[in-house]
PDB file of N, CA and C in Angstrom:
ATOM      1  N   UNK A   1      67.874  88.498  28.551  1.00  0.00           N
ATOM      2  CA  UNK A   1      69.234  88.152  28.218  1.00  0.00           C
ATOM      3  C   UNK A   1      69.508  86.679  28.514  1.00  0.00           C
ATOM      4  N   UNK A   2      69.002  86.216  29.660  1.00  0.00           N
ATOM      5  CA  UNK A   2      69.226  84.811  30.013  1.00  0.00           C
ATOM      6  C   UNK A   2      68.474  83.868  29.083  1.00  0.00           C
ATOM      7  N   UNK A   3      67.310  84.300  28.609  1.00  0.00           N
ATOM      8  CA  UNK A   3      66.573  83.467  27.655  1.00  0.00           C
ATOM      9  C   UNK A   3      67.364  83.314  26.362  1.00  0.00           C
ATOM     10  N   UNK A   4      67.919  84.410  25.882  1.00  0.00           N
ATOM     11  CA  UNK A   4      68.743  84.341  24.681  1.00  0.00           C
ATOM     12  C   UNK A   4      69.961  83.470  24.877  1.00  0.00           C
ATOM     13  N   UNK A   5      70.563  83.555  26.043  1.00  0.00           N
ATOM     14  CA  UNK A   5      71.746  82.731  26.299  1.00  0.00           C
ATOM     15  C   UNK A   5      71.368  81.254  26.393  1.00  0.00           C
ATOM     16  N   UNK A   6      70.244  80.940  27.030  1.00  0.00           N
ATOM     17  CA  UNK A   6      69.812  79.539  27.107  1.00  0.00           C
ATOM     18  C   UNK A   6      69.514  78.983  25.722  1.00  0.00           C
ATOM     19  N   UNK A   7      68.831  79.784  24.914  1.00  0.00           N
ATOM     20  CA  UNK A   7      68.520  79.326  23.558  1.00  0.00           C
ATOM     21  C   UNK A   7      69.784  79.165  22.718  1.00  0.00           C
ATOM     22  N   UNK A   8      70.702  80.112  22.844  1.00  0.00           N
ATOM     23  CA  UNK A   8      71.916  80.013  22.040  1.00  0.00           C
ATOM     24  C   UNK A   8      72.790  78.843  22.469  1.00  0.00           C
ATOM     25  N   UNK A   9      72.839  78.561  23.767  1.00  0.00           N
ATOM     26  CA  UNK A   9      73.609  77.401  24.228  1.00  0.00           C
ATOM     27  C   UNK A   9      72.977  76.114  23.717  1.00  0.00           C
ATOM     28  N   UNK A  10      71.644  76.047  23.745  1.00  0.00           N
ATOM     29  CA  UNK A  10      70.967  74.864  23.225  1.00  0.00           C
ATOM     30  C   UNK A  10      71.197  74.660  21.747  1.00  0.00           C
ATOM     31  N   UNK A  11      71.120  75.743  20.981  1.00  0.00           N
ATOM     32  CA  UNK A  11      71.337  75.649  19.530  1.00  0.00           C
ATOM     33  C   UNK A  11      72.795  75.305  19.232  1.00  0.00           C
ATOM     34  N   UNK A  12      73.719  75.949  19.951  1.00  0.00           N
ATOM     35  CA  UNK A  12      75.144  75.651  19.741  1.00  0.00           C
ATOM     36  C   UNK A  12      75.456  74.198  20.085  1.00  0.00           C
ATOM     37  N   UNK A  13      74.865  73.702  21.160  1.00  0.00           N
ATOM     38  CA  UNK A  13      75.071  72.309  21.557  1.00  0.00           C
ATOM     39  C   UNK A  13      74.590  71.369  20.466  1.00  0.00           C
ATOM     40  N   UNK A  14      73.412  71.646  19.929  1.00  0.00           N
ATOM     41  CA  UNK A  14      72.841  70.799  18.879  1.00  0.00           C
ATOM     42  C   UNK A  14      73.712  70.809  17.624  1.00  0.00           C
ATOM     43  N   UNK A  15      74.055  71.997  17.142  1.00  0.00           N
ATOM     44  CA  UNK A  15      74.830  72.083  15.906  1.00  0.00           C
ATOM     45  C   UNK A  15      76.266  71.615  16.076  1.00  0.00           C
ATOM     46  N   UNK A  16      76.824  71.824  17.249  1.00  0.00           N
ATOM     47  CA  UNK A  16      78.195  71.356  17.480  1.00  0.00           C
ATOM     48  C   UNK A  16      78.244  69.830  17.488  1.00  0.00           C
ATOM     49  N   UNK A  17      77.247  69.196  18.102  1.00  0.00           N
ATOM     50  CA  UNK A  17      77.171  67.733  18.049  1.00  0.00           C
ATOM     51  C   UNK A  17      76.992  67.249  16.611  1.00  0.00           C
ATOM     52  N   UNK A  18      76.154  67.965  15.859  1.00  0.00           N
ATOM     53  CA  UNK A  18      75.914  67.577  14.476  1.00  0.00           C
ATOM     54  C   UNK A  18      77.185  67.701  13.639  1.00  0.00           C
ATOM     55  N   UNK A  19      77.914  68.804  13.812  1.00  0.00           N
ATOM     56  CA  UNK A  19      79.163  68.973  13.062  1.00  0.00           C
ATOM     57  C   UNK A  19      80.193  67.925  13.459  1.00  0.00           C
ATOM     58  N   UNK A  20      80.255  67.598  14.733  1.00  0.00           N
ATOM     59  CA  UNK A  20      81.202  66.587  15.189  1.00  0.00           C
ATOM     60  C   UNK A  20      80.850  65.221  14.601  1.00  0.00           C
ATOM     61  N   UNK A  21      79.575  64.897  14.577  1.00  0.00           N
ATOM     62  CA  UNK A  21      79.160  63.614  14.017  1.00  0.00           C
ATOM     63  C   UNK A  21      79.352  63.580  12.502  1.00  0.00           C
ATOM     64  N   UNK A  22      79.209  64.718  11.851  1.00  0.00           N
ATOM     65  CA  UNK A  22      79.291  64.776  10.393  1.00  0.00           C
ATOM     66  C   UNK A  22      80.723  64.700   9.899  1.00  0.00           C
ATOM     67  N   UNK A  23      81.628  65.382  10.559  1.00  0.00           N
ATOM     68  CA  UNK A  23      82.989  65.472  10.033  1.00  0.00           C
ATOM     69  C   UNK A  23      84.042  65.146  11.088  1.00  0.00           C
ATOM     70  N   UNK A  24      83.859  64.089  11.795  1.00  0.00           N
ATOM     71  CA  UNK A  24      84.846  63.698  12.805  1.00  0.00           C
ATOM     72  C   UNK A  24      86.047  63.060  12.105  1.00  0.00           C
ATOM     73  N   UNK A  25      86.987  63.908  11.679  1.00  0.00           N
ATOM     74  CA  UNK A  25      88.159  63.458  10.926  1.00  0.00           C
ATOM     75  C   UNK A  25      89.282  62.975  11.822  1.00  0.00           C
ATOM     76  N   UNK A  26      89.222  63.254  13.069  1.00  0.00           N
ATOM     77  CA  UNK A  26      90.298  62.834  13.944  1.00  0.00           C
ATOM     78  C   UNK A  26      90.028  63.224  15.383  1.00  0.00           C
ATOM     79  N   UNK A  27      90.929  62.785  16.210  1.00  0.00           N
ATOM     80  CA  UNK A  27      90.796  63.044  17.638  1.00  0.00           C
ATOM     81  C   UNK A  27      90.937  64.531  17.929  1.00  0.00           C
ATOM     82  N   UNK A  28      91.757  65.213  17.162  1.00  0.00           N
ATOM     83  CA  UNK A  28      91.985  66.632  17.396  1.00  0.00           C
ATOM     84  C   UNK A  28      90.709  67.439  17.142  1.00  0.00           C
ATOM     85  N   UNK A  29      90.001  67.140  16.075  1.00  0.00           N
ATOM     86  CA  UNK A  29      88.749  67.839  15.773  1.00  0.00           C
ATOM     87  C   UNK A  29      87.692  67.554  16.844  1.00  0.00           C
ATOM     88  N   UNK A  30      87.595  66.312  17.269  1.00  0.00           N
ATOM     89  CA  UNK A  30      86.629  65.954  18.306  1.00  0.00           C
ATOM     90  C   UNK A  30      86.990  66.634  19.626  1.00  0.00           C
ATOM     91  N   UNK A  31      88.278  66.735  19.924  1.00  0.00           N
ATOM     92  CA  UNK A  31      88.732  67.398  21.145  1.00  0.00           C
ATOM     93  C   UNK A  31      88.401  68.877  21.142  1.00  0.00           C
ATOM     94  N   UNK A  32      88.585  69.549  20.006  1.00  0.00           N
ATOM     95  CA  UNK A  32      88.232  70.964  19.907  1.00  0.00           C
ATOM     96  C   UNK A  32      86.734  71.171  20.115  1.00  0.00           C
ATOM     97  N   UNK A  33      85.960  70.340  19.452  1.00  0.00           N
ATOM     98  CA  UNK A  33      84.502  70.466  19.588  1.00  0.00           C
ATOM     99  C   UNK A  33      84.047  70.178  21.012  1.00  0.00           C
ATOM    100  N   UNK A  34      84.639  69.166  21.615  1.00  0.00           N
ATOM    101  CA  UNK A  34      84.261  68.801  22.979  1.00  0.00           C
ATOM    102  C   UNK A  34      84.628  69.887  23.981  1.00  0.00           C
ATOM    103  N   UNK A  35      85.792  70.509  23.805  1.00  0.00           N
ATOM    104  CA  UNK A  35      86.187  71.568  24.731  1.00  0.00           C
ATOM    105  C   UNK A  35      85.274  72.778  24.598  1.00  0.00           C
ATOM    106  N   UNK A  36      84.858  73.089  23.391  1.00  0.00           N
ATOM    107  CA  UNK A  36      83.917  74.193  23.196  1.00  0.00           C
ATOM    108  C   UNK A  36      82.569  73.871  23.838  1.00  0.00           C
ATOM    109  N   UNK A  37      82.100  72.637  23.653  1.00  0.00           N
ATOM    110  CA  UNK A  37      80.828  72.233  24.248  1.00  0.00           C
ATOM    111  C   UNK A  37      80.876  72.293  25.771  1.00  0.00           C
ATOM    112  N   UNK A  38      81.960  71.839  26.354  1.00  0.00           N
ATOM    113  CA  UNK A  38      82.092  71.861  27.805  1.00  0.00           C
ATOM    114  C   UNK A  38      82.068  73.296  28.322  1.00  0.00           C
ATOM    115  N   UNK A  39      82.737  74.191  27.631  1.00  0.00           N
ATOM    116  CA  UNK A  39      82.745  75.594  28.053  1.00  0.00           C
ATOM    117  C   UNK A  39      81.353  76.198  27.987  1.00  0.00           C
ATOM    118  N   UNK A  40      80.654  76.018  26.872  1.00  0.00           N
ATOM    119  CA  UNK A  40      79.311  76.571  26.719  1.00  0.00           C
ATOM    120  C   UNK A  40      78.342  76.003  27.756  1.00  0.00           C
ATOM    121  N   UNK A  41      78.412  74.713  27.986  1.00  0.00           N
ATOM    122  CA  UNK A  41      77.507  74.098  28.955  1.00  0.00           C
ATOM    123  C   UNK A  41      77.843  74.508  30.382  1.00  0.00           C
ATOM    124  N   UNK A  42      79.099  74.744  30.667  1.00  0.00           N
ATOM    125  CA  UNK A  42      79.467  75.158  32.027  1.00  0.00           C
ATOM    126  C   UNK A  42      78.947  76.556  32.332  1.00  0.00           C
ATOM    127  N   UNK A  43      78.896  77.431  31.341  1.00  0.00           N
ATOM    128  CA  UNK A  43      78.349  78.776  31.552  1.00  0.00           C
ATOM    129  C   UNK A  43      76.873  78.685  31.915  1.00  0.00           C
ATOM    130  N   UNK A  44      76.118  77.898  31.177  1.00  0.00           N
ATOM    131  CA  UNK A  44      74.697  77.735  31.478  1.00  0.00           C
ATOM    132  C   UNK A  44      74.496  77.015  32.802  1.00  0.00           C
ATOM    133  N   UNK A  45      75.346  76.045  33.093  1.00  0.00           N
ATOM    134  CA  UNK A  45      75.213  75.281  34.335  1.00  0.00           C
ATOM    135  C   UNK A  45      75.424  76.163  35.560  1.00  0.00           C
ATOM    136  N   UNK A  46      76.322  77.130  35.483  1.00  0.00           N
ATOM    137  CA  UNK A  46      76.552  78.030  36.616  1.00  0.00           C
ATOM    138  C   UNK A  46      75.288  78.835  36.919  1.00  0.00           C
ATOM    139  N   UNK A  47      74.648  79.370  35.888  1.00  0.00           N
ATOM    140  CA  UNK A  47      73.388  80.089  36.095  1.00  0.00           C
ATOM    141  C   UNK A  47      72.336  79.184  36.728  1.00  0.00           C
ATOM    142  N   UNK A  48      72.210  77.977  36.210  1.00  0.00           N
ATOM    143  CA  UNK A  48      71.185  77.059  36.708  1.00  0.00           C
ATOM    144  C   UNK A  48      71.496  76.581  38.127  1.00  0.00           C
ATOM    145  N   UNK A  49      72.747  76.368  38.432  1.00  0.00           N
ATOM    146  CA  UNK A  49      73.131  75.912  39.774  1.00  0.00           C
ATOM    147  C   UNK A  49      72.759  76.964  40.819  1.00  0.00           C
ATOM    148  N   UNK A  50      73.167  78.212  40.585  1.00  0.00           N
ATOM    149  CA  UNK A  50      72.880  79.258  41.559  1.00  0.00           C
ATOM    150  C   UNK A  50      71.405  79.641  41.567  1.00  0.00           C
ATOM    151  N   UNK A  51      70.729  79.500  40.443  1.00  0.00           N
ATOM    152  CA  UNK A  51      69.286  79.709  40.421  1.00  0.00           C
ATOM    153  C   UNK A  51      68.563  78.689  41.270  1.00  0.00           C
ATOM    154  N   UNK A  52      69.010  77.440  41.216  1.00  0.00           N
ATOM    155  CA  UNK A  52      68.409  76.398  42.036  1.00  0.00           C
ATOM    156  C   UNK A  52      68.716  76.619  43.521  1.00  0.00           C
ATOM    157  N   UNK A  53      69.920  77.079  43.832  1.00  0.00           N
ATOM    158  CA  UNK A  53      70.256  77.403  45.221  1.00  0.00           C
ATOM    159  C   UNK A  53      69.393  78.544  45.746  1.00  0.00           C
ATOM    160  N   UNK A  54      69.128  79.538  44.914  1.00  0.00           N
ATOM    161  CA  UNK A  54      68.271  80.645  45.319  1.00  0.00           C
ATOM    162  C   UNK A  54      66.859  80.163  45.626  1.00  0.00           C
ATOM    163  N   UNK A  55      66.347  79.265  44.802  1.00  0.00           N
ATOM    164  CA  UNK A  55      65.011  78.728  45.029  1.00  0.00           C
ATOM    165  C   UNK A  55      64.955  77.967  46.349  1.00  0.00           C
ATOM    166  N   UNK A  56      65.924  77.095  46.585  1.00  0.00           N
ATOM    167  CA  UNK A  56      65.891  76.286  47.808  1.00  0.00           C
ATOM    168  C   UNK A  56      66.101  77.130  49.059  1.00  0.00           C
ATOM    169  N   UNK A  57      66.967  78.133  48.996  1.00  0.00           N
ATOM    170  CA  UNK A  57      67.187  78.994  50.166  1.00  0.00           C
ATOM    171  C   UNK A  57      65.989  79.896  50.438  1.00  0.00           C
ATOM    172  N   UNK A  58      65.334  80.373  49.395  1.00  0.00           N
ATOM    173  CA  UNK A  58      64.182  81.239  49.620  1.00  0.00           C
ATOM    174  C   UNK A  58      62.988  80.448  50.154  1.00  0.00           C
ATOM    175  N   UNK A  59      62.926  79.155  49.884  1.00  0.00           N
ATOM    176  CA  UNK A  59      61.868  78.326  50.469  1.00  0.00           C
ATOM    177  C   UNK A  59      62.078  78.110  51.965  1.00  0.00           C
ATOM    178  N   UNK A  60      63.317  78.191  52.410  1.00  0.00           N
ATOM    179  CA  UNK A  60      63.618  78.005  53.830  1.00  0.00           C
ATOM    180  C   UNK A  60      63.273  79.226  54.673  1.00  0.00           C
ATOM    181  N   UNK A  61      63.090  80.371  54.059  1.00  0.00           N
ATOM    182  CA  UNK A  61      62.825  81.600  54.803  1.00  0.00           C
ATOM    183  C   UNK A  61      61.505  81.513  55.550  1.00  0.00           C
ATOM    184  N   UNK A  62      60.461  81.001  54.911  1.00  0.00           N
ATOM    185  CA  UNK A  62      59.155  80.899  55.567  1.00  0.00           C
ATOM    186  C   UNK A  62      59.217  79.975  56.778  1.00  0.00           C
ATOM    187  N   UNK A  63      59.934  78.870  56.679  1.00  0.00           N
ATOM    188  CA  UNK A  63      60.046  77.953  57.812  1.00  0.00           C
ATOM    189  C   UNK A  63      60.835  78.581  58.953  1.00  0.00           C
ATOM    190  N   UNK A  64      61.852  79.337  58.626  1.00  0.00           N
ATOM    191  CA  UNK A  64      62.639  80.006  59.666  1.00  0.00           C
ATOM    192  C   UNK A  64      61.807  81.067  60.375  1.00  0.00           C
ATOM    193  N   UNK A  65      61.008  81.801  59.625  1.00  0.00           N
ATOM    194  CA  UNK A  65      60.152  82.813  60.241  1.00  0.00           C
ATOM    195  C   UNK A  65      59.090  82.158  61.121  1.00  0.00           C
ATOM    196  N   UNK A  66      58.565  81.029  60.688  1.00  0.00           N
ATOM    197  CA  UNK A  66      57.576  80.321  61.512  1.00  0.00           C
ATOM    198  C   UNK A  66      58.201  79.849  62.818  1.00  0.00           C
ATOM    199  N   UNK A  67      59.411  79.335  62.750  1.00  0.00           N
ATOM    200  CA  UNK A  67      60.109  78.927  63.975  1.00  0.00           C
ATOM    201  C   UNK A  67      60.340  80.115  64.895  1.00  0.00           C
ATOM    202  N   UNK A  68      60.619  81.275  64.342  1.00  0.00           N
ATOM    203  CA  UNK A  68      60.844  82.465  65.158  1.00  0.00           C
ATOM    204  C   UNK A  68      59.556  82.930  65.825  1.00  0.00           C
ATOM    205  N   UNK A  69      58.430  82.823  65.127  1.00  0.00           N
ATOM    206  CA  UNK A  69      57.151  83.250  65.697  1.00  0.00           C
ATOM    207  C   UNK A  69      56.772  82.382  66.881  1.00  0.00           C
ATOM    208  N   UNK A  70      56.959  81.089  66.770  1.00  0.00           N
ATOM    209  CA  UNK A  70      56.566  80.206  67.867  1.00  0.00           C
ATOM    210  C   UNK A  70      57.463  80.360  69.091  1.00  0.00           C
ATOM    211  N   UNK A  71      58.707  80.795  68.896  1.00  0.00           N
ATOM    212  CA  UNK A  71      59.590  80.955  70.044  1.00  0.00           C
ATOM    213  C   UNK A  71      59.525  82.353  70.649  1.00  0.00           C
ATOM    214  N   UNK A  72      58.807  83.271  70.024  1.00  0.00           N
ATOM    215  CA  UNK A  72      58.716  84.651  70.509  1.00  0.00           C
ATOM    216  C   UNK A  72      57.320  84.964  71.045  1.00  0.00           C
ATOM    217  N   UNK A  73      56.888  84.215  72.034  1.00  0.00           N
ATOM    218  CA  UNK A  73      55.538  84.400  72.566  1.00  0.00           C
ATOM    219  C   UNK A  73      55.369  85.738  73.281  1.00  0.00           C
ATOM    220  N   UNK A  74      56.393  86.232  73.946  1.00  0.00           N
ATOM    221  CA  UNK A  74      56.250  87.466  74.706  1.00  0.00           C
ATOM    222  C   UNK A  74      56.695  88.704  73.934  1.00  0.00           C
ATOM    223  N   UNK A  75      56.925  88.601  72.652  1.00  0.00           N
ATOM    224  CA  UNK A  75      57.327  89.743  71.839  1.00  0.00           C
ATOM    225  C   UNK A  75      56.132  90.643  71.553  1.00  0.00           C
ATOM    226  N   UNK A  76      56.400  91.885  71.202  1.00  0.00           N
ATOM    227  CA  UNK A  76      55.288  92.790  70.869  1.00  0.00           C
ATOM    228  C   UNK A  76      54.535  92.344  69.618  1.00  0.00           C
ATOM    229  N   UNK A  77      53.337  92.814  69.505  1.00  0.00           N
ATOM    230  CA  UNK A  77      52.473  92.427  68.393  1.00  0.00           C
ATOM    231  C   UNK A  77      53.032  92.916  67.060  1.00  0.00           C
ATOM    232  N   UNK A  78      53.687  94.043  67.044  1.00  0.00           N
ATOM    233  CA  UNK A  78      54.226  94.564  65.777  1.00  0.00           C
ATOM    234  C   UNK A  78      55.307  93.643  65.219  1.00  0.00           C
ATOM    235  N   UNK A  79      56.118  93.058  66.106  1.00  0.00           N
ATOM    236  CA  UNK A  79      57.142  92.122  65.653  1.00  0.00           C
ATOM    237  C   UNK A  79      56.504  90.865  65.083  1.00  0.00           C
ATOM    238  N   UNK A  80      55.494  90.372  65.763  1.00  0.00           N
ATOM    239  CA  UNK A  80      54.793  89.177  65.271  1.00  0.00           C
ATOM    240  C   UNK A  80      54.110  89.460  63.936  1.00  0.00           C
ATOM    241  N   UNK A  81      53.550  90.651  63.805  1.00  0.00           N
ATOM    242  CA  UNK A  81      52.883  91.026  62.553  1.00  0.00           C
ATOM    243  C   UNK A  81      53.907  91.104  61.414  1.00  0.00           C
ATOM    244  N   UNK A  82      55.075  91.654  61.704  1.00  0.00           N
ATOM    245  CA  UNK A  82      56.123  91.737  60.679  1.00  0.00           C
ATOM    246  C   UNK A  82      56.583  90.346  60.245  1.00  0.00           C
ATOM    247  N   UNK A  83      56.723  89.440  61.201  1.00  0.00           N
ATOM    248  CA  UNK A  83      57.107  88.070  60.858  1.00  0.00           C
ATOM    249  C   UNK A  83      56.011  87.369  60.061  1.00  0.00           C
ATOM    250  N   UNK A  84      54.765  87.671  60.381  1.00  0.00           N
ATOM    251  CA  UNK A  84      53.658  87.089  59.624  1.00  0.00           C
ATOM    252  C   UNK A  84      53.671  87.581  58.181  1.00  0.00           C
ATOM    253  N   UNK A  85      53.924  88.870  57.974  1.00  0.00           N
ATOM    254  CA  UNK A  85      54.029  89.399  56.611  1.00  0.00           C
ATOM    255  C   UNK A  85      55.206  88.771  55.867  1.00  0.00           C
ATOM    256  N   UNK A  86      56.304  88.575  56.584  1.00  0.00           N
ATOM    257  CA  UNK A  86      57.458  87.915  55.972  1.00  0.00           C
ATOM    258  C   UNK A  86      57.117  86.491  55.551  1.00  0.00           C
ATOM    259  N   UNK A  87      56.380  85.776  56.402  1.00  0.00           N
ATOM    260  CA  UNK A  87      55.987  84.403  56.049  1.00  0.00           C
ATOM    261  C   UNK A  87      55.054  84.385  54.849  1.00  0.00           C
ATOM    262  N   UNK A  88      54.132  85.351  54.779  1.00  0.00           N
ATOM    263  CA  UNK A  88      53.229  85.401  53.628  1.00  0.00           C
ATOM    264  C   UNK A  88      53.986  85.674  52.334  1.00  0.00           C
ATOM    265  N   UNK A  89      54.956  86.580  52.394  1.00  0.00           N
ATOM    266  CA  UNK A  89      55.739  86.880  51.189  1.00  0.00           C
ATOM    267  C   UNK A  89      56.644  85.717  50.807  1.00  0.00           C
ATOM    268  N   UNK A  90      57.167  85.019  51.793  1.00  0.00           N
ATOM    269  CA  UNK A  90      58.132  83.944  51.532  1.00  0.00           C
ATOM    270  C   UNK A  90      57.474  82.650  51.075  1.00  0.00           C
ATOM    271  N   UNK A  91      56.154  82.606  51.017  1.00  0.00           N
ATOM    272  CA  UNK A  91      55.502  81.381  50.545  1.00  0.00           C
ATOM    273  C   UNK A  91      55.763  81.147  49.063  1.00  0.00           C
ATOM    274  N   UNK A  92      56.020  82.215  48.332  1.00  0.00           N
ATOM    275  CA  UNK A  92      56.362  82.084  46.918  1.00  0.00           C
ATOM    276  C   UNK A  92      57.864  82.294  46.790  1.00  0.00           C
ATOM    277  N   UNK A  93      58.557  81.286  46.314  1.00  0.00           N
ATOM    278  CA  UNK A  93      60.021  81.303  46.276  1.00  0.00           C
ATOM    279  C   UNK A  93      60.538  82.287  45.230  1.00  0.00           C
ATOM    280  N   UNK A  94      61.692  82.870  45.517  1.00  0.00           N
ATOM    281  CA  UNK A  94      62.374  83.718  44.545  1.00  0.00           C
ATOM    282  C   UNK A  94      62.970  82.840  43.453  1.00  0.00           C
ATOM    283  N   UNK A  95      62.935  83.342  42.222  1.00  0.00           N
ATOM    284  CA  UNK A  95      63.443  82.570  41.096  1.00  0.00           C
ATOM    285  C   UNK A  95      64.156  83.486  40.119  1.00  0.00           C
ATOM    286  N   UNK A  96      65.195  82.966  39.490  1.00  0.00           N
ATOM    287  CA  UNK A  96      65.815  83.639  38.355  1.00  0.00           C
ATOM    288  C   UNK A  96      65.166  83.025  37.120  1.00  0.00           C
ATOM    289  N   UNK A  97      64.525  83.867  36.335  1.00  0.00           N
ATOM    290  CA  UNK A  97      63.823  83.343  35.169  1.00  0.00           C
ATOM    291  C   UNK A  97      64.527  83.768  33.886  1.00  0.00           C
ATOM    292  N   UNK A  98      64.319  82.974  32.874  1.00  0.00           N
ATOM    293  CA  UNK A  98      64.843  83.273  31.542  1.00  0.00           C
ATOM    294  C   UNK A  98      63.716  83.877  30.724  1.00  0.00           C
ATOM    295  N   UNK A  99      63.637  85.191  30.743  1.00  0.00           N
ATOM    296  CA  UNK A  99      62.605  85.885  29.982  1.00  0.00           C
ATOM    297  C   UNK A  99      61.207  85.669  30.509  1.00  0.00           C
ATOM    298  N   UNK A 100      61.067  85.200  31.717  1.00  0.00           N
ATOM    299  CA  UNK A 100      59.762  84.918  32.280  1.00  0.00           C
ATOM    300  C   UNK A 100      59.149  83.615  31.805  1.00  0.00           C
ATOM    301  N   UNK A 101      59.862  82.855  30.981  1.00  0.00           N
ATOM    302  CA  UNK A 101      59.323  81.608  30.446  1.00  0.00           C
ATOM    303  C   UNK A 101      59.565  80.425  31.359  1.00  0.00           C
ATOM    304  N   UNK A 102      60.766  80.304  31.895  1.00  0.00           N
ATOM    305  CA  UNK A 102      61.064  79.206  32.812  1.00  0.00           C
ATOM    306  C   UNK A 102      62.128  79.666  33.783  1.00  0.00           C
ATOM    307  N   UNK A 103      62.102  79.055  34.961  1.00  0.00           N
ATOM    308  CA  UNK A 103      63.088  79.416  35.974  1.00  0.00           C
ATOM    309  C   UNK A 103      64.360  78.607  35.754  1.00  0.00           C
ATOM    310  N   UNK A 104      65.475  79.229  36.063  1.00  0.00           N
ATOM    311  CA  UNK A 104      66.756  78.551  35.903  1.00  0.00           C
ATOM    312  C   UNK A 104      67.015  77.690  37.125  1.00  0.00           C
ATOM    313  N   UNK A 105      67.037  76.405  36.907  1.00  0.00           N
ATOM    314  CA  UNK A 105      67.306  75.441  37.969  1.00  0.00           C
ATOM    315  C   UNK A 105      68.036  74.259  37.339  1.00  0.00           C
ATOM    316  N   UNK A 106      68.381  73.308  38.171  1.00  0.00           N
ATOM    317  CA  UNK A 106      69.081  72.137  37.639  1.00  0.00           C
ATOM    318  C   UNK A 106      68.186  71.347  36.697  1.00  0.00           C
ATOM    319  N   UNK A 107      66.896  71.315  36.989  1.00  0.00           N
ATOM    320  CA  UNK A 107      65.955  70.605  36.117  1.00  0.00           C
ATOM    321  C   UNK A 107      65.850  71.281  34.751  1.00  0.00           C
ATOM    322  N   UNK A 108      65.869  72.613  34.740  1.00  0.00           N
ATOM    323  CA  UNK A 108      65.793  73.303  33.450  1.00  0.00           C
ATOM    324  C   UNK A 108      67.081  73.109  32.649  1.00  0.00           C
ATOM    325  N   UNK A 109      68.219  72.986  33.331  1.00  0.00           N
ATOM    326  CA  UNK A 109      69.468  72.697  32.624  1.00  0.00           C
ATOM    327  C   UNK A 109      69.382  71.348  31.922  1.00  0.00           C
ATOM    328  N   UNK A 110      68.862  70.351  32.618  1.00  0.00           N
ATOM    329  CA  UNK A 110      68.706  69.021  32.028  1.00  0.00           C
ATOM    330  C   UNK A 110      67.708  69.062  30.876  1.00  0.00           C
ATOM    331  N   UNK A 111      66.645  69.840  31.021  1.00  0.00           N
ATOM    332  CA  UNK A 111      65.664  69.898  29.939  1.00  0.00           C
ATOM    333  C   UNK A 111      66.242  70.594  28.701  1.00  0.00           C
ATOM    334  N   UNK A 112      67.089  71.614  28.881  1.00  0.00           N
ATOM    335  CA  UNK A 112      67.749  72.249  27.729  1.00  0.00           C
ATOM    336  C   UNK A 112      68.639  71.232  27.021  1.00  0.00           C
ATOM    337  N   UNK A 113      69.379  70.431  27.798  1.00  0.00           N
ATOM    338  CA  UNK A 113      70.223  69.398  27.188  1.00  0.00           C
ATOM    339  C   UNK A 113      69.391  68.358  26.455  1.00  0.00           C
ATOM    340  N   UNK A 114      68.282  67.943  27.052  1.00  0.00           N
ATOM    341  CA  UNK A 114      67.434  66.931  26.415  1.00  0.00           C
ATOM    342  C   UNK A 114      66.841  67.435  25.102  1.00  0.00           C
ATOM    343  N   UNK A 115      66.358  68.661  25.091  1.00  0.00           N
ATOM    344  CA  UNK A 115      65.776  69.221  23.868  1.00  0.00           C
ATOM    345  C   UNK A 115      66.845  69.373  22.793  1.00  0.00           C
ATOM    346  N   UNK A 116      68.021  69.845  23.182  1.00  0.00           N
ATOM    347  CA  UNK A 116      69.103  70.007  22.213  1.00  0.00           C
ATOM    348  C   UNK A 116      69.529  68.664  21.636  1.00  0.00           C
ATOM    349  N   UNK A 117      69.619  67.657  22.484  1.00  0.00           N
ATOM    350  CA  UNK A 117      70.002  66.343  21.979  1.00  0.00           C
ATOM    351  C   UNK A 117      68.912  65.761  21.085  1.00  0.00           C
ATOM    352  N   UNK A 118      67.655  66.030  21.411  1.00  0.00           N
ATOM    353  CA  UNK A 118      66.564  65.561  20.556  1.00  0.00           C
ATOM    354  C   UNK A 118      66.646  66.190  19.176  1.00  0.00           C
ATOM    355  N   UNK A 119      66.917  67.498  19.113  1.00  0.00           N
ATOM    356  CA  UNK A 119      67.078  68.152  17.818  1.00  0.00           C
ATOM    357  C   UNK A 119      68.280  67.596  17.071  1.00  0.00           C
ATOM    358  N   UNK A 120      69.340  67.283  17.792  1.00  0.00           N
ATOM    359  CA  UNK A 120      70.514  66.683  17.157  1.00  0.00           C
ATOM    360  C   UNK A 120      70.166  65.344  16.523  1.00  0.00           C
ATOM    361  N   UNK A 121      69.411  64.505  17.214  1.00  0.00           N
ATOM    362  CA  UNK A 121      69.051  63.208  16.644  1.00  0.00           C
ATOM    363  C   UNK A 121      68.151  63.367  15.425  1.00  0.00           C
ATOM    364  N   UNK A 122      67.276  64.383  15.431  1.00  0.00           N
ATOM    365  CA  UNK A 122      66.444  64.641  14.254  1.00  0.00           C
ATOM    366  C   UNK A 122      67.314  65.070  13.076  1.00  0.00           C
ATOM    367  N   UNK A 123      68.266  65.970  13.317  1.00  0.00           N
ATOM    368  CA  UNK A 123      69.176  66.389  12.250  1.00  0.00           C
ATOM    369  C   UNK A 123      70.000  65.224  11.722  1.00  0.00           C
ATOM    370  N   UNK A 124      70.472  64.382  12.620  1.00  0.00           N
ATOM    371  CA  UNK A 124      71.280  63.246  12.199  1.00  0.00           C
ATOM    372  C   UNK A 124      70.455  62.254  11.376  1.00  0.00           C
ATOM    373  N   UNK A 125      69.197  62.052  11.747  1.00  0.00           N
ATOM    374  CA  UNK A 125      68.326  61.159  10.974  1.00  0.00           C
ATOM    375  C   UNK A 125      68.032  61.720   9.593  1.00  0.00           C
ATOM    376  N   UNK A 126      67.871  63.043   9.484  1.00  0.00           N
ATOM    377  CA  UNK A 126      67.653  63.650   8.167  1.00  0.00           C
ATOM    378  C   UNK A 126      68.887  63.521   7.300  1.00  0.00           C
ATOM    379  N   UNK A 127      70.064  63.607   7.899  1.00  0.00           N
ATOM    380  CA  UNK A 127      71.304  63.486   7.128  1.00  0.00           C
ATOM    381  C   UNK A 127      71.480  62.067   6.610  1.00  0.00           C
ATOM    382  N   UNK A 128      71.076  61.076   7.405  1.00  0.00           N
ATOM    383  CA  UNK A 128      71.263  59.687   7.022  1.00  0.00           C
ATOM    384  C   UNK A 128      70.305  59.275   5.903  1.00  0.00           C
ATOM    385  N   UNK A 129      69.175  59.945   5.779  1.00  0.00           N
ATOM    386  CA  UNK A 129      68.186  59.549   4.759  1.00  0.00           C
ATOM    387  C   UNK A 129      68.495  60.047   3.402  1.00  0.00           C
TER     388      UNK A 129
END
């Protein structure tokens, strides 16, 4: 579902820019298009923002468990073993992925914008020729 939403936001961004550049008849038309673009991009940005927060927080879990192991020298072996298993699992960060193709993060949000803008410039160049 997130992959479809990322793709649709990218396509909508590209075509909305193209329509705005093609038929910008006035400030009112540009304002409508801009408000729609801001809304669509904000929806994708929320997913990417919290996805990036999840990645950064899940990377901190292994370091926190390591700090706990070193301060718990007199704890039972089962507790230390459980913390060791937690550290092994936490070495790979949790991620929200879009269809398993890419993880949603701030970098992926920027890359969706870059690809969409690149397609827009290609469309605009074809229109000018």
